[in-house]
Amino acid sequence: MDSKWAEWSKVTGAQQHGDRFPLMRLVQFERGATSAPERWEAAHGRQEAGILLNFSRGGLCLLTEEAPAAEEVLLVHLPKSVPVSSSQPHAQVRWVRPLPFGGETVYAVGLQFML
């Protein structure tokens, strides 16, 4: 158990806790999106859902049942209650961490919005 908690104490970047706002909402997202902006409209990947934990100007944190790969691009369908510049932003997976609880595995996923 201690090794799983140690994973949470890793520093993942300089902007660790800056301007985050807590907001729990169900969020749908599509995997299989492309990182090429000219093809963003045509992201028809597998649709999944997660729970939004918090968001900032630069990204968000989701709880998911499956762990996406680091650097994978997701098309995130955010509810209108999340004030971001686009209603369907693309976000890149920056980090994935398993929750250190027994039973079922749930992952916290850090996403960075792509411009």
PDB file of N, CA and C in Angstrom:
ATOM      1  N   MET A   1       0.810  -1.183   0.000  1.00  0.00           N
ATOM      2  CA  MET A   1       0.000   0.000   0.000  1.00  0.00           C
ATOM      3  C   MET A   1       0.865   1.263   0.000  1.00  0.00           C
ATOM      4  N   ASP A   2       1.986   1.263   0.732  1.00  0.00           N
ATOM      5  CA  ASP A   2       2.847   2.441   0.787  1.00  0.00           C
ATOM      6  C   ASP A   2       3.393   2.816  -0.580  1.00  0.00           C
ATOM      7  N   SER A   3       3.690   1.818  -1.419  1.00  0.00           N
ATOM      8  CA  SER A   3       4.221   2.121  -2.748  1.00  0.00           C
ATOM      9  C   SER A   3       3.169   2.811  -3.620  1.00  0.00           C
ATOM     10  N   LYS A   4       1.894   2.484  -3.443  1.00  0.00           N
ATOM     11  CA  LYS A   4       0.844   3.154  -4.210  1.00  0.00           C
ATOM     12  C   LYS A   4       0.693   4.604  -3.760  1.00  0.00           C
ATOM     13  N   TRP A   5       0.797   4.875  -2.462  1.00  0.00           N
ATOM     14  CA  TRP A   5       0.704   6.254  -1.975  1.00  0.00           C
ATOM     15  C   TRP A   5       1.921   7.053  -2.410  1.00  0.00           C
ATOM     16  N   ALA A   6       3.079   6.406  -2.527  1.00  0.00           N
ATOM     17  CA  ALA A   6       4.283   7.099  -2.979  1.00  0.00           C
ATOM     18  C   ALA A   6       4.094   7.633  -4.394  1.00  0.00           C
ATOM     19  N   GLU A   7       3.340   6.915  -5.211  1.00  0.00           N
ATOM     20  CA  GLU A   7       3.050   7.363  -6.577  1.00  0.00           C
ATOM     21  C   GLU A   7       2.330   8.709  -6.567  1.00  0.00           C
ATOM     22  N   TRP A   8       1.487   8.940  -5.578  1.00  0.00           N
ATOM     23  CA  TRP A   8       0.718  10.190  -5.491  1.00  0.00           C
ATOM     24  C   TRP A   8       1.574  11.369  -5.061  1.00  0.00           C
ATOM     25  N   SER A   9       2.703  11.097  -4.434  1.00  0.00           N
ATOM     26  CA  SER A   9       3.531  12.199  -3.955  1.00  0.00           C
ATOM     27  C   SER A   9       4.531  12.680  -5.000  1.00  0.00           C
ATOM     28  N   LYS A  10       4.584  12.024  -6.155  1.00  0.00           N
ATOM     29  CA  LYS A  10       5.493  12.459  -7.218  1.00  0.00           C
ATOM     30  C   LYS A  10       5.098  13.834  -7.738  1.00  0.00           C
ATOM     31  N   VAL A  11       6.082  14.659  -8.007  1.00  0.00           N
ATOM     32  CA  VAL A  11       5.831  15.960  -8.625  1.00  0.00           C
ATOM     33  C   VAL A  11       5.707  15.742 -10.122  1.00  0.00           C
ATOM     34  N   THR A  12       4.594  16.207 -10.707  1.00  0.00           N
ATOM     35  CA  THR A  12       4.359  15.981 -12.134  1.00  0.00           C
ATOM     36  C   THR A  12       4.559  17.219 -12.974  1.00  0.00           C
ATOM     37  N   GLY A  13       4.864  18.340 -12.358  1.00  0.00           N
ATOM     38  CA  GLY A  13       5.090  19.560 -13.120  1.00  0.00           C
ATOM     39  C   GLY A  13       5.078  20.769 -12.215  1.00  0.00           C
ATOM     40  N   ALA A  14       5.523  21.881 -12.749  1.00  0.00           N
ATOM     41  CA  ALA A  14       5.630  23.101 -11.963  1.00  0.00           C
ATOM     42  C   ALA A  14       4.262  23.657 -11.592  1.00  0.00           C
ATOM     43  N   GLN A  15       3.267  23.459 -12.429  1.00  0.00           N
ATOM     44  CA  GLN A  15       1.940  24.017 -12.194  1.00  0.00           C
ATOM     45  C   GLN A  15       1.071  22.963 -11.503  1.00  0.00           C
ATOM     46  N   GLN A  16       1.499  22.515 -10.338  1.00  0.00           N
ATOM     47  CA  GLN A  16       0.867  21.393  -9.660  1.00  0.00           C
ATOM     48  C   GLN A  16      -0.542  21.691  -9.157  1.00  0.00           C
ATOM     49  N   HIS A  17      -0.746  22.735  -8.377  1.00  0.00           N
ATOM     50  CA  HIS A  17      -2.050  22.965  -7.766  1.00  0.00           C
ATOM     51  C   HIS A  17      -2.551  24.388  -7.956  1.00  0.00           C
ATOM     52  N   GLY A  18      -2.044  25.095  -8.927  1.00  0.00           N
ATOM     53  CA  GLY A  18      -2.313  26.507  -9.105  1.00  0.00           C
ATOM     54  C   GLY A  18      -3.758  26.949  -9.078  1.00  0.00           C
ATOM     55  N   ASP A  19      -4.425  26.914 -10.188  1.00  0.00           N
ATOM     56  CA  ASP A  19      -5.752  27.512 -10.327  1.00  0.00           C
ATOM     57  C   ASP A  19      -6.834  26.461 -10.519  1.00  0.00           C
ATOM     58  N   ARG A  20      -6.820  25.408  -9.734  1.00  0.00           N
ATOM     59  CA  ARG A  20      -7.805  24.333  -9.873  1.00  0.00           C
ATOM     60  C   ARG A  20      -9.103  24.682  -9.163  1.00  0.00           C
ATOM     61  N   PHE A  21     -10.212  24.241  -9.773  1.00  0.00           N
ATOM     62  CA  PHE A  21     -11.531  24.439  -9.202  1.00  0.00           C
ATOM     63  C   PHE A  21     -12.217  23.088  -9.085  1.00  0.00           C
ATOM     64  N   PRO A  22     -12.656  22.698  -7.895  1.00  0.00           N
ATOM     65  CA  PRO A  22     -13.334  21.410  -7.743  1.00  0.00           C
ATOM     66  C   PRO A  22     -14.726  21.456  -8.374  1.00  0.00           C
ATOM     67  N   LEU A  23     -15.075  20.406  -9.074  1.00  0.00           N
ATOM     68  CA  LEU A  23     -16.400  20.298  -9.685  1.00  0.00           C
ATOM     69  C   LEU A  23     -16.614  18.838 -10.061  1.00  0.00           C
ATOM     70  N   MET A  24     -17.535  18.160  -9.418  1.00  0.00           N
ATOM     71  CA  MET A  24     -17.801  16.762  -9.737  1.00  0.00           C
ATOM     72  C   MET A  24     -18.960  16.673 -10.705  1.00  0.00           C
ATOM     73  N   ARG A  25     -18.679  16.170 -11.901  1.00  0.00           N
ATOM     74  CA  ARG A  25     -19.679  16.007 -12.949  1.00  0.00           C
ATOM     75  C   ARG A  25     -19.320  14.754 -13.765  1.00  0.00           C
ATOM     76  N   LEU A  26     -20.342  14.121 -14.311  1.00  0.00           N
ATOM     77  CA  LEU A  26     -20.120  13.039 -15.253  1.00  0.00           C
ATOM     78  C   LEU A  26     -19.675  13.656 -16.572  1.00  0.00           C
ATOM     79  N   VAL A  27     -18.606  13.134 -17.139  1.00  0.00           N
ATOM     80  CA  VAL A  27     -18.052  13.657 -18.383  1.00  0.00           C
ATOM     81  C   VAL A  27     -17.861  12.501 -19.354  1.00  0.00           C
ATOM     82  N   GLN A  28     -18.332  12.674 -20.575  1.00  0.00           N
ATOM     83  CA  GLN A  28     -18.085  11.682 -21.618  1.00  0.00           C
ATOM     84  C   GLN A  28     -16.861  12.104 -22.415  1.00  0.00           C
ATOM     85  N   PHE A  29     -16.121  11.111 -22.887  1.00  0.00           N
ATOM     86  CA  PHE A  29     -14.951  11.394 -23.708  1.00  0.00           C
ATOM     87  C   PHE A  29     -14.775  10.296 -24.738  1.00  0.00           C
ATOM     88  N   GLU A  30     -14.073  10.630 -25.794  1.00  0.00           N
ATOM     89  CA  GLU A  30     -13.786   9.669 -26.855  1.00  0.00           C
ATOM     90  C   GLU A  30     -12.303   9.431 -26.930  1.00  0.00           C
ATOM     91  N   ARG A  31     -11.951   8.163 -26.943  1.00  0.00           N
ATOM     92  CA  ARG A  31     -10.554   7.783 -27.157  1.00  0.00           C
ATOM     93  C   ARG A  31     -10.348   7.645 -28.658  1.00  0.00           C
ATOM     94  N   GLY A  32      -9.130   7.639 -29.076  1.00  0.00           N
ATOM     95  CA  GLY A  32      -8.846   7.483 -30.499  1.00  0.00           C
ATOM     96  C   GLY A  32      -8.844   8.793 -31.250  1.00  0.00           C
ATOM     97  N   ALA A  33      -8.864   9.915 -30.516  1.00  0.00           N
ATOM     98  CA  ALA A  33      -8.768  11.216 -31.180  1.00  0.00           C
ATOM     99  C   ALA A  33      -7.347  11.388 -31.689  1.00  0.00           C
ATOM    100  N   THR A  34      -7.186  12.229 -32.672  1.00  0.00           N
ATOM    101  CA  THR A  34      -5.872  12.479 -33.239  1.00  0.00           C
ATOM    102  C   THR A  34      -5.276  13.733 -32.631  1.00  0.00           C
ATOM    103  N   SER A  35      -3.961  13.807 -32.608  1.00  0.00           N
ATOM    104  CA  SER A  35      -3.306  15.005 -32.093  1.00  0.00           C
ATOM    105  C   SER A  35      -3.142  16.065 -33.178  1.00  0.00           C
ATOM    106  N   ALA A  36      -3.541  15.758 -34.405  1.00  0.00           N
ATOM    107  CA  ALA A  36      -3.437  16.720 -35.506  1.00  0.00           C
ATOM    108  C   ALA A  36      -4.663  17.627 -35.516  1.00  0.00           C
ATOM    109  N   PRO A  37      -4.509  18.928 -35.224  1.00  0.00           N
ATOM    110  CA  PRO A  37      -5.669  19.833 -35.135  1.00  0.00           C
ATOM    111  C   PRO A  37      -6.537  19.852 -36.381  1.00  0.00           C
ATOM    112  N   GLU A  38      -5.969  19.671 -37.547  1.00  0.00           N
ATOM    113  CA  GLU A  38      -6.775  19.727 -38.771  1.00  0.00           C
ATOM    114  C   GLU A  38      -7.738  18.546 -38.893  1.00  0.00           C
ATOM    115  N   ARG A  39      -7.576  17.505 -38.073  1.00  0.00           N
ATOM    116  CA  ARG A  39      -8.461  16.341 -38.136  1.00  0.00           C
ATOM    117  C   ARG A  39      -9.288  16.183 -36.871  1.00  0.00           C
ATOM    118  N   TRP A  40      -9.363  17.199 -36.002  1.00  0.00           N
ATOM    119  CA  TRP A  40     -10.080  17.090 -34.739  1.00  0.00           C
ATOM    120  C   TRP A  40     -11.563  16.849 -34.903  1.00  0.00           C
ATOM    121  N   GLU A  41     -12.183  17.388 -35.933  1.00  0.00           N
ATOM    122  CA  GLU A  41     -13.624  17.217 -36.097  1.00  0.00           C
ATOM    123  C   GLU A  41     -14.003  15.760 -36.323  1.00  0.00           C
ATOM    124  N   ALA A  42     -13.102  14.959 -36.836  1.00  0.00           N
ATOM    125  CA  ALA A  42     -13.411  13.586 -37.216  1.00  0.00           C
ATOM    126  C   ALA A  42     -12.943  12.562 -36.185  1.00  0.00           C
ATOM    127  N   ALA A  43     -13.044  12.875 -34.926  1.00  0.00           N
ATOM    128  CA  ALA A  43     -12.637  11.931 -33.888  1.00  0.00           C
ATOM    129  C   ALA A  43     -13.830  11.048 -33.526  1.00  0.00           C
ATOM    130  N   HIS A  44     -13.864   9.860 -34.093  1.00  0.00           N
ATOM    131  CA  HIS A  44     -14.968   8.933 -33.832  1.00  0.00           C
ATOM    132  C   HIS A  44     -14.436   7.708 -33.110  1.00  0.00           C
ATOM    133  N   GLY A  45     -13.857   7.937 -31.962  1.00  0.00           N
ATOM    134  CA  GLY A  45     -13.320   6.847 -31.172  1.00  0.00           C
ATOM    135  C   GLY A  45     -14.390   6.218 -30.309  1.00  0.00           C
ATOM    136  N   ARG A  46     -13.968   5.340 -29.433  1.00  0.00           N
ATOM    137  CA  ARG A  46     -14.876   4.667 -28.514  1.00  0.00           C
ATOM    138  C   ARG A  46     -15.283   5.633 -27.416  1.00  0.00           C
ATOM    139  N   GLN A  47     -16.576   5.791 -27.205  1.00  0.00           N
ATOM    140  CA  GLN A  47     -17.055   6.742 -26.206  1.00  0.00           C
ATOM    141  C   GLN A  47     -17.069   6.085 -24.830  1.00  0.00           C
ATOM    142  N   GLU A  48     -16.516   6.807 -23.842  1.00  0.00           N
ATOM    143  CA  GLU A  48     -16.457   6.345 -22.466  1.00  0.00           C
ATOM    144  C   GLU A  48     -16.899   7.484 -21.562  1.00  0.00           C
ATOM    145  N   ALA A  49     -16.935   7.217 -20.270  1.00  0.00           N
ATOM    146  CA  ALA A  49     -17.324   8.252 -19.310  1.00  0.00           C
ATOM    147  C   ALA A  49     -16.413   8.190 -18.098  1.00  0.00           C
ATOM    148  N   GLY A  50     -16.284   9.329 -17.446  1.00  0.00           N
ATOM    149  CA  GLY A  50     -15.504   9.438 -16.224  1.00  0.00           C
ATOM    150  C   GLY A  50     -16.126  10.501 -15.345  1.00  0.00           C
ATOM    151  N   ILE A  51     -15.582  10.663 -14.172  1.00  0.00           N
ATOM    152  CA  ILE A  51     -16.065  11.690 -13.251  1.00  0.00           C
ATOM    153  C   ILE A  51     -15.024  12.797 -13.185  1.00  0.00           C
ATOM    154  N   LEU A  52     -15.456  13.989 -13.540  1.00  0.00           N
ATOM    155  CA  LEU A  52     -14.605  15.165 -13.445  1.00  0.00           C
ATOM    156  C   LEU A  52     -14.425  15.496 -11.968  1.00  0.00           C
ATOM    157  N   LEU A  53     -13.168  15.629 -11.528  1.00  0.00           N
ATOM    158  CA  LEU A  53     -12.889  15.984 -10.137  1.00  0.00           C
ATOM    159  C   LEU A  53     -12.577  17.458  -9.982  1.00  0.00           C
ATOM    160  N   ASN A  54     -11.779  17.980 -10.913  1.00  0.00           N
ATOM    161  CA  ASN A  54     -11.446  19.393 -10.879  1.00  0.00           C
ATOM    162  C   ASN A  54     -10.994  19.829 -12.263  1.00  0.00           C
ATOM    163  N   PHE A  55     -10.941  21.150 -12.465  1.00  0.00           N
ATOM    164  CA  PHE A  55     -10.496  21.684 -13.741  1.00  0.00           C
ATOM    165  C   PHE A  55      -9.747  22.987 -13.511  1.00  0.00           C
ATOM    166  N   SER A  56      -8.998  23.385 -14.497  1.00  0.00           N
ATOM    167  CA  SER A  56      -8.298  24.660 -14.475  1.00  0.00           C
ATOM    168  C   SER A  56      -8.292  25.192 -15.900  1.00  0.00           C
ATOM    169  N   ARG A  57      -7.663  26.335 -16.076  1.00  0.00           N
ATOM    170  CA  ARG A  57      -7.522  26.882 -17.434  1.00  0.00           C
ATOM    171  C   ARG A  57      -6.806  25.899 -18.355  1.00  0.00           C
ATOM    172  N   GLY A  58      -5.852  25.160 -17.788  1.00  0.00           N
ATOM    173  CA  GLY A  58      -5.006  24.310 -18.617  1.00  0.00           C
ATOM    174  C   GLY A  58      -5.419  22.871 -18.754  1.00  0.00           C
ATOM    175  N   GLY A  59      -6.359  22.404 -17.931  1.00  0.00           N
ATOM    176  CA  GLY A  59      -6.709  20.999 -18.023  1.00  0.00           C
ATOM    177  C   GLY A  59      -7.706  20.568 -16.972  1.00  0.00           C
ATOM    178  N   LEU A  60      -7.750  19.253 -16.740  1.00  0.00           N
ATOM    179  CA  LEU A  60      -8.706  18.707 -15.788  1.00  0.00           C
ATOM    180  C   LEU A  60      -8.227  17.372 -15.265  1.00  0.00           C
ATOM    181  N   CYS A  61      -8.889  16.913 -14.225  1.00  0.00           N
ATOM    182  CA  CYS A  61      -8.597  15.611 -13.641  1.00  0.00           C
ATOM    183  C   CYS A  61      -9.873  14.786 -13.664  1.00  0.00           C
ATOM    184  N   LEU A  62      -9.778  13.566 -14.192  1.00  0.00           N
ATOM    185  CA  LEU A  62     -10.919  12.650 -14.296  1.00  0.00           C
ATOM    186  C   LEU A  62     -10.655  11.368 -13.522  1.00  0.00           C
ATOM    187  N   LEU A  63     -11.700  10.751 -13.036  1.00  0.00           N
ATOM    188  CA  LEU A  63     -11.646   9.381 -12.534  1.00  0.00           C
ATOM    189  C   LEU A  63     -12.217   8.491 -13.617  1.00  0.00           C
ATOM    190  N   THR A  64     -11.492   7.441 -13.983  1.00  0.00           N
ATOM    191  CA  THR A  64     -11.953   6.533 -15.034  1.00  0.00           C
ATOM    192  C   THR A  64     -11.759   5.082 -14.595  1.00  0.00           C
ATOM    193  N   GLU A  65     -12.490   4.182 -15.239  1.00  0.00           N
ATOM    194  CA  GLU A  65     -12.345   2.754 -14.942  1.00  0.00           C
ATOM    195  C   GLU A  65     -11.201   2.129 -15.714  1.00  0.00           C
ATOM    196  N   GLU A  66     -10.860   2.701 -16.861  1.00  0.00           N
ATOM    197  CA  GLU A  66      -9.753   2.201 -17.673  1.00  0.00           C
ATOM    198  C   GLU A  66      -8.684   3.277 -17.763  1.00  0.00           C
ATOM    199  N   ALA A  67      -7.446   2.859 -17.789  1.00  0.00           N
ATOM    200  CA  ALA A  67      -6.331   3.807 -17.841  1.00  0.00           C
ATOM    201  C   ALA A  67      -5.951   4.092 -19.291  1.00  0.00           C
ATOM    202  N   PRO A  68      -6.113   5.338 -19.749  1.00  0.00           N
ATOM    203  CA  PRO A  68      -5.622   5.672 -21.084  1.00  0.00           C
ATOM    204  C   PRO A  68      -4.095   5.744 -21.058  1.00  0.00           C
ATOM    205  N   ALA A  69      -3.487   5.662 -22.204  1.00  0.00           N
ATOM    206  CA  ALA A  69      -2.033   5.730 -22.303  1.00  0.00           C
ATOM    207  C   ALA A  69      -1.555   7.169 -22.139  1.00  0.00           C
ATOM    208  N   ALA A  70      -0.380   7.334 -21.563  1.00  0.00           N
ATOM    209  CA  ALA A  70       0.225   8.664 -21.459  1.00  0.00           C
ATOM    210  C   ALA A  70       0.385   9.237 -22.858  1.00  0.00           C
ATOM    211  N   GLU A  71       0.076  10.496 -23.022  1.00  0.00           N
ATOM    212  CA  GLU A  71       0.143  11.258 -24.270  1.00  0.00           C
ATOM    213  C   GLU A  71      -0.988  10.945 -25.244  1.00  0.00           C
ATOM    214  N   GLU A  72      -1.900  10.035 -24.874  1.00  0.00           N
ATOM    215  CA  GLU A  72      -3.068   9.780 -25.713  1.00  0.00           C
ATOM    216  C   GLU A  72      -3.932  11.041 -25.752  1.00  0.00           C
ATOM    217  N   VAL A  73      -4.568  11.299 -26.892  1.00  0.00           N
ATOM    218  CA  VAL A  73      -5.428  12.469 -27.047  1.00  0.00           C
ATOM    219  C   VAL A  73      -6.885  12.023 -26.943  1.00  0.00           C
ATOM    220  N   LEU A  74      -7.644  12.727 -26.098  1.00  0.00           N
ATOM    221  CA  LEU A  74      -9.055  12.431 -25.898  1.00  0.00           C
ATOM    222  C   LEU A  74      -9.889  13.620 -26.339  1.00  0.00           C
ATOM    223  N   LEU A  75     -11.051  13.349 -26.902  1.00  0.00           N
ATOM    224  CA  LEU A  75     -12.035  14.393 -27.188  1.00  0.00           C
ATOM    225  C   LEU A  75     -12.982  14.385 -26.000  1.00  0.00           C
ATOM    226  N   VAL A  76     -12.967  15.465 -25.216  1.00  0.00           N
ATOM    227  CA  VAL A  76     -13.722  15.527 -23.971  1.00  0.00           C
ATOM    228  C   VAL A  76     -14.985  16.355 -24.181  1.00  0.00           C
ATOM    229  N   HIS A  77     -16.134  15.760 -23.871  1.00  0.00           N
ATOM    230  CA  HIS A  77     -17.423  16.437 -23.993  1.00  0.00           C
ATOM    231  C   HIS A  77     -17.782  17.009 -22.618  1.00  0.00           C
ATOM    232  N   LEU A  78     -17.418  18.258 -22.392  1.00  0.00           N
ATOM    233  CA  LEU A  78     -17.623  18.880 -21.094  1.00  0.00           C
ATOM    234  C   LEU A  78     -19.032  19.446 -20.961  1.00  0.00           C
ATOM    235  N   PRO A  79     -19.606  19.366 -19.764  1.00  0.00           N
ATOM    236  CA  PRO A  79     -20.912  20.002 -19.540  1.00  0.00           C
ATOM    237  C   PRO A  79     -20.759  21.519 -19.577  1.00  0.00           C
ATOM    238  N   LYS A  80     -21.859  22.209 -19.829  1.00  0.00           N
ATOM    239  CA  LYS A  80     -21.832  23.674 -19.925  1.00  0.00           C
ATOM    240  C   LYS A  80     -21.412  24.343 -18.618  1.00  0.00           C
ATOM    241  N   SER A  81     -21.491  23.631 -17.514  1.00  0.00           N
ATOM    242  CA  SER A  81     -21.105  24.202 -16.220  1.00  0.00           C
ATOM    243  C   SER A  81     -19.594  24.334 -16.047  1.00  0.00           C
ATOM    244  N   VAL A  82     -18.821  23.807 -16.998  1.00  0.00           N
ATOM    245  CA  VAL A  82     -17.365  23.922 -16.949  1.00  0.00           C
ATOM    246  C   VAL A  82     -16.947  25.046 -17.895  1.00  0.00           C
ATOM    247  N   PRO A  83     -16.488  26.168 -17.346  1.00  0.00           N
ATOM    248  CA  PRO A  83     -16.162  27.327 -18.185  1.00  0.00           C
ATOM    249  C   PRO A  83     -14.809  27.211 -18.880  1.00  0.00           C
ATOM    250  N   VAL A  84     -14.805  26.595 -20.057  1.00  0.00           N
ATOM    251  CA  VAL A  84     -13.601  26.531 -20.877  1.00  0.00           C
ATOM    252  C   VAL A  84     -13.927  27.145 -22.230  1.00  0.00           C
ATOM    253  N   SER A  85     -12.900  27.397 -23.027  1.00  0.00           N
ATOM    254  CA  SER A  85     -13.095  28.128 -24.277  1.00  0.00           C
ATOM    255  C   SER A  85     -13.819  27.329 -25.356  1.00  0.00           C
ATOM    256  N   SER A  86     -13.824  26.011 -25.270  1.00  0.00           N
ATOM    257  CA  SER A  86     -14.477  25.189 -26.284  1.00  0.00           C
ATOM    258  C   SER A  86     -15.401  24.187 -25.603  1.00  0.00           C
ATOM    259  N   SER A  87     -16.526  23.867 -26.231  1.00  0.00           N
ATOM    260  CA  SER A  87     -17.449  22.915 -25.626  1.00  0.00           C
ATOM    261  C   SER A  87     -16.972  21.469 -25.777  1.00  0.00           C
ATOM    262  N   GLN A  88     -16.094  21.213 -26.739  1.00  0.00           N
ATOM    263  CA  GLN A  88     -15.553  19.871 -26.934  1.00  0.00           C
ATOM    264  C   GLN A  88     -14.044  19.940 -27.131  1.00  0.00           C
ATOM    265  N   PRO A  89     -13.316  20.259 -26.066  1.00  0.00           N
ATOM    266  CA  PRO A  89     -11.869  20.396 -26.231  1.00  0.00           C
ATOM    267  C   PRO A  89     -11.160  19.056 -26.359  1.00  0.00           C
ATOM    268  N   HIS A  90     -10.053  19.106 -27.026  1.00  0.00           N
ATOM    269  CA  HIS A  90      -9.161  17.959 -27.082  1.00  0.00           C
ATOM    270  C   HIS A  90      -8.166  18.113 -25.945  1.00  0.00           C
ATOM    271  N   ALA A  91      -7.859  17.008 -25.307  1.00  0.00           N
ATOM    272  CA  ALA A  91      -6.944  17.046 -24.173  1.00  0.00           C
ATOM    273  C   ALA A  91      -5.993  15.863 -24.269  1.00  0.00           C
ATOM    274  N   GLN A  92      -4.753  16.103 -23.879  1.00  0.00           N
ATOM    275  CA  GLN A  92      -3.733  15.061 -23.909  1.00  0.00           C
ATOM    276  C   GLN A  92      -3.514  14.529 -22.498  1.00  0.00           C
ATOM    277  N   VAL A  93      -3.391  13.212 -22.386  1.00  0.00           N
ATOM    278  CA  VAL A  93      -3.146  12.577 -21.100  1.00  0.00           C
ATOM    279  C   VAL A  93      -1.723  12.907 -20.659  1.00  0.00           C
ATOM    280  N   ARG A  94      -1.592  13.554 -19.512  1.00  0.00           N
ATOM    281  CA  ARG A  94      -0.274  13.919 -18.978  1.00  0.00           C
ATOM    282  C   ARG A  94       0.197  12.918 -17.938  1.00  0.00           C
ATOM    283  N   TRP A  95      -0.734  12.358 -17.157  1.00  0.00           N
ATOM    284  CA  TRP A  95      -0.378  11.354 -16.168  1.00  0.00           C
ATOM    285  C   TRP A  95      -1.593  10.492 -15.842  1.00  0.00           C
ATOM    286  N   VAL A  96      -1.307   9.269 -15.397  1.00  0.00           N
ATOM    287  CA  VAL A  96      -2.348   8.322 -14.982  1.00  0.00           C
ATOM    288  C   VAL A  96      -1.863   7.679 -13.686  1.00  0.00           C
ATOM    289  N   ARG A  97      -2.738   7.666 -12.674  1.00  0.00           N
ATOM    290  CA  ARG A  97      -2.368   7.061 -11.395  1.00  0.00           C
ATOM    291  C   ARG A  97      -3.513   6.203 -10.886  1.00  0.00           C
ATOM    292  N   PRO A  98      -3.207   4.957 -10.503  1.00  0.00           N
ATOM    293  CA  PRO A  98      -4.251   4.121  -9.910  1.00  0.00           C
ATOM    294  C   PRO A  98      -4.581   4.627  -8.514  1.00  0.00           C
ATOM    295  N   LEU A  99      -5.851   4.546  -8.146  1.00  0.00           N
ATOM    296  CA  LEU A  99      -6.233   4.913  -6.784  1.00  0.00           C
ATOM    297  C   LEU A  99      -5.805   3.791  -5.846  1.00  0.00           C
ATOM    298  N   PRO A 100      -5.236   4.131  -4.716  1.00  0.00           N
ATOM    299  CA  PRO A 100      -4.690   3.115  -3.807  1.00  0.00           C
ATOM    300  C   PRO A 100      -5.737   2.513  -2.886  1.00  0.00           C
ATOM    301  N   PHE A 101      -6.802   1.982  -3.477  1.00  0.00           N
ATOM    302  CA  PHE A 101      -7.855   1.343  -2.695  1.00  0.00           C
ATOM    303  C   PHE A 101      -8.047  -0.075  -3.211  1.00  0.00           C
ATOM    304  N   GLY A 102      -8.435  -0.975  -2.324  1.00  0.00           N
ATOM    305  CA  GLY A 102      -8.636  -2.364  -2.704  1.00  0.00           C
ATOM    306  C   GLY A 102      -9.862  -2.542  -3.584  1.00  0.00           C
ATOM    307  N   GLY A 103     -10.146  -3.785  -3.941  1.00  0.00           N
ATOM    308  CA  GLY A 103     -11.326  -4.066  -4.769  1.00  0.00           C
ATOM    309  C   GLY A 103     -11.107  -3.678  -6.215  1.00  0.00           C
ATOM    310  N   GLU A 104     -11.983  -2.855  -6.723  1.00  0.00           N
ATOM    311  CA  GLU A 104     -11.913  -2.446  -8.124  1.00  0.00           C
ATOM    312  C   GLU A 104     -10.834  -1.387  -8.331  1.00  0.00           C
ATOM    313  N   THR A 105     -10.254  -1.376  -9.522  1.00  0.00           N
ATOM    314  CA  THR A 105      -9.237  -0.388  -9.844  1.00  0.00           C
ATOM    315  C   THR A 105      -9.883   0.799 -10.536  1.00  0.00           C
ATOM    316  N   VAL A 106      -9.603   1.972 -10.031  1.00  0.00           N
ATOM    317  CA  VAL A 106     -10.060   3.226 -10.606  1.00  0.00           C
ATOM    318  C   VAL A 106      -8.824   4.085 -10.799  1.00  0.00           C
ATOM    319  N   TYR A 107      -8.804   4.871 -11.875  1.00  0.00           N
ATOM    320  CA  TYR A 107      -7.633   5.673 -12.197  1.00  0.00           C
ATOM    321  C   TYR A 107      -7.948   7.161 -12.162  1.00  0.00           C
ATOM    322  N   ALA A 108      -7.042   7.932 -11.611  1.00  0.00           N
ATOM    323  CA  ALA A 108      -7.089   9.383 -11.719  1.00  0.00           C
ATOM    324  C   ALA A 108      -6.247   9.725 -12.946  1.00  0.00           C
ATOM    325  N   VAL A 109      -6.807  10.542 -13.814  1.00  0.00           N
ATOM    326  CA  VAL A 109      -6.149  10.879 -15.086  1.00  0.00           C
ATOM    327  C   VAL A 109      -6.020  12.391 -15.197  1.00  0.00           C
ATOM    328  N   GLY A 110      -4.799  12.867 -15.358  1.00  0.00           N
ATOM    329  CA  GLY A 110      -4.554  14.293 -15.547  1.00  0.00           C
ATOM    330  C   GLY A 110      -4.509  14.610 -17.039  1.00  0.00           C
ATOM    331  N   LEU A 111      -5.352  15.528 -17.465  1.00  0.00           N
ATOM    332  CA  LEU A 111      -5.448  15.912 -18.887  1.00  0.00           C
ATOM    333  C   LEU A 111      -5.069  17.366 -19.069  1.00  0.00           C
ATOM    334  N   GLN A 112      -4.339  17.644 -20.143  1.00  0.00           N
ATOM    335  CA  GLN A 112      -3.968  19.008 -20.484  1.00  0.00           C
ATOM    336  C   GLN A 112      -4.690  19.382 -21.780  1.00  0.00           C
ATOM    337  N   PHE A 113      -5.416  20.524 -21.754  1.00  0.00           N
ATOM    338  CA  PHE A 113      -6.114  20.971 -22.953  1.00  0.00           C
ATOM    339  C   PHE A 113      -5.111  21.281 -24.061  1.00  0.00           C
ATOM    340  N   MET A 114      -5.499  20.964 -25.283  1.00  0.00           N
ATOM    341  CA  MET A 114      -4.670  21.258 -26.453  1.00  0.00           C
ATOM    342  C   MET A 114      -5.257  22.476 -27.155  1.00  0.00           C
ATOM    343  N   LEU A 115      -4.400  23.349 -27.643  1.00  0.00           N
ATOM    344  CA  LEU A 115      -4.856  24.554 -28.345  1.00  0.00           C
ATOM    345  C   LEU A 115      -5.055  24.280 -29.801  1.00  0.00           C
TER     346      LEU A 115
END
